Each structure stands twice: as C-alpha cells, then as structure tokens.
N, C-alpha and C. Protein backbone atom coordinates (compact mmCIF):
# COMPACT_ATOMS: atom_id res chain seq x y z
N MET A 1 36.77 13.02 -6.54
CA MET A 1 36.02 12.30 -5.53
C MET A 1 36.27 10.79 -5.67
N ASN A 2 37.15 10.24 -4.89
CA ASN A 2 37.55 8.94 -4.91
C ASN A 2 36.94 8.12 -3.79
N HIS A 3 35.93 7.30 -3.98
CA HIS A 3 35.25 6.53 -2.98
C HIS A 3 35.79 5.13 -3.02
N SER A 4 35.77 4.48 -1.91
CA SER A 4 36.18 3.09 -1.82
C SER A 4 35.30 2.10 -2.57
N TYR A 5 34.01 2.59 -2.68
CA TYR A 5 32.98 1.73 -3.27
C TYR A 5 32.77 1.97 -4.75
N ALA A 6 33.52 2.92 -5.34
CA ALA A 6 33.30 3.26 -6.71
C ALA A 6 33.63 2.05 -7.71
N PHE A 7 32.82 1.81 -8.60
CA PHE A 7 32.97 0.75 -9.65
C PHE A 7 33.13 -0.66 -9.11
N SER A 8 32.50 -0.93 -8.03
CA SER A 8 32.54 -2.31 -7.45
C SER A 8 31.19 -2.98 -7.70
N HIS A 9 31.23 -4.31 -7.76
CA HIS A 9 30.01 -5.03 -7.94
C HIS A 9 29.39 -5.25 -6.56
N LEU A 10 28.04 -5.54 -6.65
CA LEU A 10 27.39 -5.91 -5.36
C LEU A 10 27.61 -7.41 -5.09
N THR A 11 27.76 -7.68 -3.84
CA THR A 11 27.96 -9.12 -3.45
C THR A 11 26.52 -9.68 -3.22
N LEU A 12 26.52 -10.96 -3.08
CA LEU A 12 25.22 -11.65 -2.84
C LEU A 12 24.69 -11.22 -1.46
N GLU A 13 25.57 -11.00 -0.55
CA GLU A 13 25.09 -10.52 0.74
C GLU A 13 24.55 -9.22 0.73
N GLU A 14 25.17 -8.31 -0.03
CA GLU A 14 24.60 -6.90 -0.24
C GLU A 14 23.26 -6.88 -0.91
N ARG A 15 23.10 -7.87 -1.81
CA ARG A 15 21.75 -7.91 -2.50
C ARG A 15 20.73 -8.46 -1.47
N ARG A 16 21.15 -9.35 -0.61
CA ARG A 16 20.17 -9.86 0.41
C ARG A 16 19.81 -8.71 1.41
N ILE A 17 20.76 -7.89 1.75
CA ILE A 17 20.42 -6.72 2.48
C ILE A 17 19.46 -5.76 1.82
N ILE A 18 19.73 -5.57 0.56
CA ILE A 18 18.76 -4.75 -0.22
C ILE A 18 17.36 -5.33 -0.14
N LEU A 19 17.26 -6.63 -0.35
CA LEU A 19 15.92 -7.28 -0.33
C LEU A 19 15.28 -7.20 1.00
N THR A 20 16.05 -7.34 2.05
CA THR A 20 15.51 -7.22 3.38
C THR A 20 15.08 -5.84 3.64
N GLY A 21 15.86 -4.81 3.19
CA GLY A 21 15.52 -3.43 3.37
C GLY A 21 14.22 -3.09 2.68
N ILE A 22 14.00 -3.62 1.47
CA ILE A 22 12.74 -3.39 0.70
C ILE A 22 11.61 -3.99 1.50
N SER A 23 11.82 -5.21 1.98
CA SER A 23 10.78 -5.93 2.68
C SER A 23 10.38 -5.17 3.96
N ASN A 24 11.28 -4.53 4.52
CA ASN A 24 11.04 -3.76 5.81
C ASN A 24 10.59 -2.31 5.59
N GLY A 25 10.61 -1.97 4.35
CA GLY A 25 10.06 -0.58 4.02
C GLY A 25 11.09 0.47 4.17
N SER A 26 12.40 0.14 4.14
CA SER A 26 13.42 1.09 4.34
C SER A 26 13.62 1.94 3.06
N THR A 27 14.14 3.09 3.21
CA THR A 27 14.40 3.97 2.02
C THR A 27 15.69 3.50 1.31
N LYS A 28 15.80 3.94 0.07
CA LYS A 28 16.98 3.59 -0.68
C LYS A 28 18.25 4.24 -0.02
N SER A 29 18.11 5.40 0.56
CA SER A 29 19.23 6.01 1.21
C SER A 29 19.69 5.24 2.49
N ALA A 30 18.71 4.77 3.21
CA ALA A 30 19.05 3.95 4.42
C ALA A 30 19.71 2.63 4.02
N ILE A 31 19.21 2.01 2.94
CA ILE A 31 19.79 0.72 2.50
C ILE A 31 21.23 0.98 2.04
N ALA A 32 21.45 2.03 1.29
CA ALA A 32 22.74 2.44 0.77
C ALA A 32 23.75 2.67 1.88
N LYS A 33 23.34 3.41 2.91
CA LYS A 33 24.18 3.60 4.12
C LYS A 33 24.58 2.25 4.77
N THR A 34 23.66 1.40 4.86
CA THR A 34 23.85 0.05 5.54
C THR A 34 24.92 -0.70 4.77
N ILE A 35 24.84 -0.69 3.46
CA ILE A 35 25.85 -1.51 2.76
C ILE A 35 27.05 -0.75 2.24
N GLY A 36 27.09 0.54 2.51
CA GLY A 36 28.17 1.35 2.16
C GLY A 36 28.32 1.63 0.62
N LYS A 37 27.22 1.78 0.02
CA LYS A 37 27.13 2.04 -1.48
C LYS A 37 26.40 3.32 -1.66
N ASP A 38 26.52 3.87 -2.87
CA ASP A 38 25.75 5.05 -3.23
C ASP A 38 24.29 4.69 -3.40
N ARG A 39 23.40 5.72 -3.14
CA ARG A 39 21.94 5.54 -3.28
C ARG A 39 21.57 5.15 -4.74
N SER A 40 22.18 5.67 -5.72
CA SER A 40 21.95 5.38 -7.05
C SER A 40 22.24 3.87 -7.47
N THR A 41 23.32 3.31 -6.84
CA THR A 41 23.61 1.90 -7.01
C THR A 41 22.44 1.01 -6.49
N VAL A 42 21.90 1.35 -5.35
CA VAL A 42 20.76 0.65 -4.76
C VAL A 42 19.54 0.78 -5.76
N ALA A 43 19.31 1.98 -6.15
CA ALA A 43 18.13 2.28 -7.07
C ALA A 43 18.29 1.43 -8.40
N LYS A 44 19.49 1.45 -8.95
CA LYS A 44 19.71 0.69 -10.16
C LYS A 44 19.50 -0.84 -9.92
N GLU A 45 19.98 -1.33 -8.85
CA GLU A 45 19.83 -2.73 -8.50
C GLU A 45 18.40 -3.07 -8.42
N ILE A 46 17.58 -2.28 -7.78
CA ILE A 46 16.14 -2.52 -7.62
C ILE A 46 15.51 -2.46 -8.97
N ARG A 47 15.83 -1.43 -9.76
CA ARG A 47 15.20 -1.28 -11.07
C ARG A 47 15.48 -2.42 -11.98
N LEU A 48 16.76 -2.89 -11.95
CA LEU A 48 17.12 -4.00 -12.90
C LEU A 48 16.54 -5.35 -12.47
N HIS A 49 16.21 -5.51 -11.22
CA HIS A 49 15.76 -6.84 -10.79
C HIS A 49 14.38 -6.99 -10.26
N ARG A 50 13.59 -5.87 -10.36
CA ARG A 50 12.30 -5.90 -9.84
C ARG A 50 11.29 -6.69 -10.66
N THR A 51 10.27 -7.22 -10.01
CA THR A 51 9.14 -7.85 -10.63
C THR A 51 7.87 -7.37 -10.18
N LEU A 52 6.80 -7.35 -10.99
CA LEU A 52 5.55 -6.82 -10.46
C LEU A 52 4.94 -7.83 -9.52
N SER A 53 4.35 -7.33 -8.46
CA SER A 53 3.75 -8.25 -7.52
C SER A 53 2.19 -8.30 -7.73
N HIS A 54 1.74 -7.73 -8.74
CA HIS A 54 0.31 -7.77 -9.04
C HIS A 54 0.10 -8.41 -10.48
N LYS A 55 -1.11 -8.80 -10.78
CA LYS A 55 -1.39 -9.45 -12.05
C LYS A 55 -1.85 -8.60 -13.23
N CYS A 56 -2.12 -7.31 -12.84
CA CYS A 56 -2.58 -6.39 -13.88
C CYS A 56 -1.53 -6.12 -14.93
N LYS A 57 -1.95 -6.33 -16.23
CA LYS A 57 -1.01 -6.06 -17.31
C LYS A 57 -1.08 -4.64 -17.83
N MET A 58 -2.13 -3.91 -17.36
CA MET A 58 -2.32 -2.51 -17.90
C MET A 58 -2.52 -1.50 -16.80
N PRO A 59 -1.63 -1.38 -15.83
CA PRO A 59 -1.87 -0.49 -14.70
C PRO A 59 -2.04 1.04 -15.18
N LEU A 60 -1.33 1.42 -16.19
CA LEU A 60 -1.31 2.78 -16.64
C LEU A 60 -2.60 3.09 -17.41
N GLU A 61 -3.19 2.18 -18.08
CA GLU A 61 -4.31 2.30 -18.96
C GLU A 61 -5.63 2.12 -18.18
N CYS A 62 -5.62 1.41 -17.11
CA CYS A 62 -6.79 1.05 -16.38
C CYS A 62 -7.31 2.17 -15.46
N ASN A 63 -8.43 2.69 -15.56
CA ASN A 63 -9.06 3.64 -14.74
C ASN A 63 -9.42 3.11 -13.37
N HIS A 64 -9.52 1.87 -13.24
CA HIS A 64 -9.97 1.23 -11.97
C HIS A 64 -8.95 0.49 -11.28
N TYR A 65 -7.70 0.72 -11.66
CA TYR A 65 -6.54 -0.06 -11.18
C TYR A 65 -6.48 -0.17 -9.68
N ARG A 66 -6.62 0.91 -8.95
CA ARG A 66 -6.45 0.91 -7.49
C ARG A 66 -7.62 0.29 -6.82
N LYS A 67 -8.80 0.37 -7.43
CA LYS A 67 -9.99 -0.21 -6.79
C LYS A 67 -10.65 -1.31 -7.63
N CYS A 68 -9.79 -2.18 -8.28
CA CYS A 68 -10.18 -3.18 -9.15
C CYS A 68 -11.05 -4.23 -8.37
N VAL A 69 -12.22 -4.53 -8.92
CA VAL A 69 -13.11 -5.53 -8.33
C VAL A 69 -12.94 -6.88 -9.01
N HIS A 70 -12.00 -6.94 -10.02
CA HIS A 70 -11.79 -8.20 -10.74
C HIS A 70 -10.45 -8.85 -10.40
N GLY A 71 -9.89 -8.55 -9.29
CA GLY A 71 -8.63 -9.08 -8.84
C GLY A 71 -7.46 -8.69 -9.75
N ARG A 72 -7.53 -7.55 -10.42
CA ARG A 72 -6.52 -6.99 -11.29
C ARG A 72 -6.26 -7.94 -12.48
N GLN A 73 -7.23 -8.57 -12.92
CA GLN A 73 -7.15 -9.40 -14.13
C GLN A 73 -7.59 -8.57 -15.27
N CYS A 74 -6.93 -7.50 -15.60
CA CYS A 74 -7.37 -6.48 -16.55
C CYS A 74 -7.49 -6.99 -17.97
N THR A 75 -8.44 -6.47 -18.69
CA THR A 75 -8.63 -6.68 -20.07
C THR A 75 -8.86 -5.30 -20.76
N PRO A 76 -8.65 -5.22 -22.04
CA PRO A 76 -8.88 -3.84 -22.71
C PRO A 76 -10.25 -3.28 -22.54
N ASP A 77 -11.24 -4.16 -22.36
CA ASP A 77 -12.63 -3.64 -22.19
C ASP A 77 -13.06 -3.55 -20.75
N CYS A 78 -12.09 -3.60 -19.83
CA CYS A 78 -12.40 -3.64 -18.39
C CYS A 78 -13.00 -2.26 -17.97
C-alpha cells in the first residue's frame, strides 16, 4: 500500500486546517480527508499538541468534575 502522503510531515497550513476543524467540531476523519492525510496522523497531531481548556488538575479523581461549583479549582479535599 503506497500512499502519496506516507511518511510526510504536516505543513503549517495543514496544522491550521486541523485547528480550524477542531474549532468547527469536525471529526478527525473529515479533517483527514480535507488535508489528504490518514486519520491516525490527525489524531497523533491533536494528541501531541493538545492543552487542557479547563483549570481542574484532577478531573479523573474528582466526583463533582462535571458539575463543579468551585470553577474547577479542584483540591484533594474538594
């Protein structure tokens, strides 16, 4: 299986398209089709460069994470 996009780096423009796709709520598959890359390439790019958009440092340990009344400023005794 020899694809033209195998083993190539993402360009800055392709990264911008991924960011726009994420902002618009597009799926990884749709973004991948748009830039002509494999879905796994898009997934890896997102995983490697993502940042948390919330302040909670313990989302997995917090029982009240989804309905936090403290602005997600979690502490161990929350």
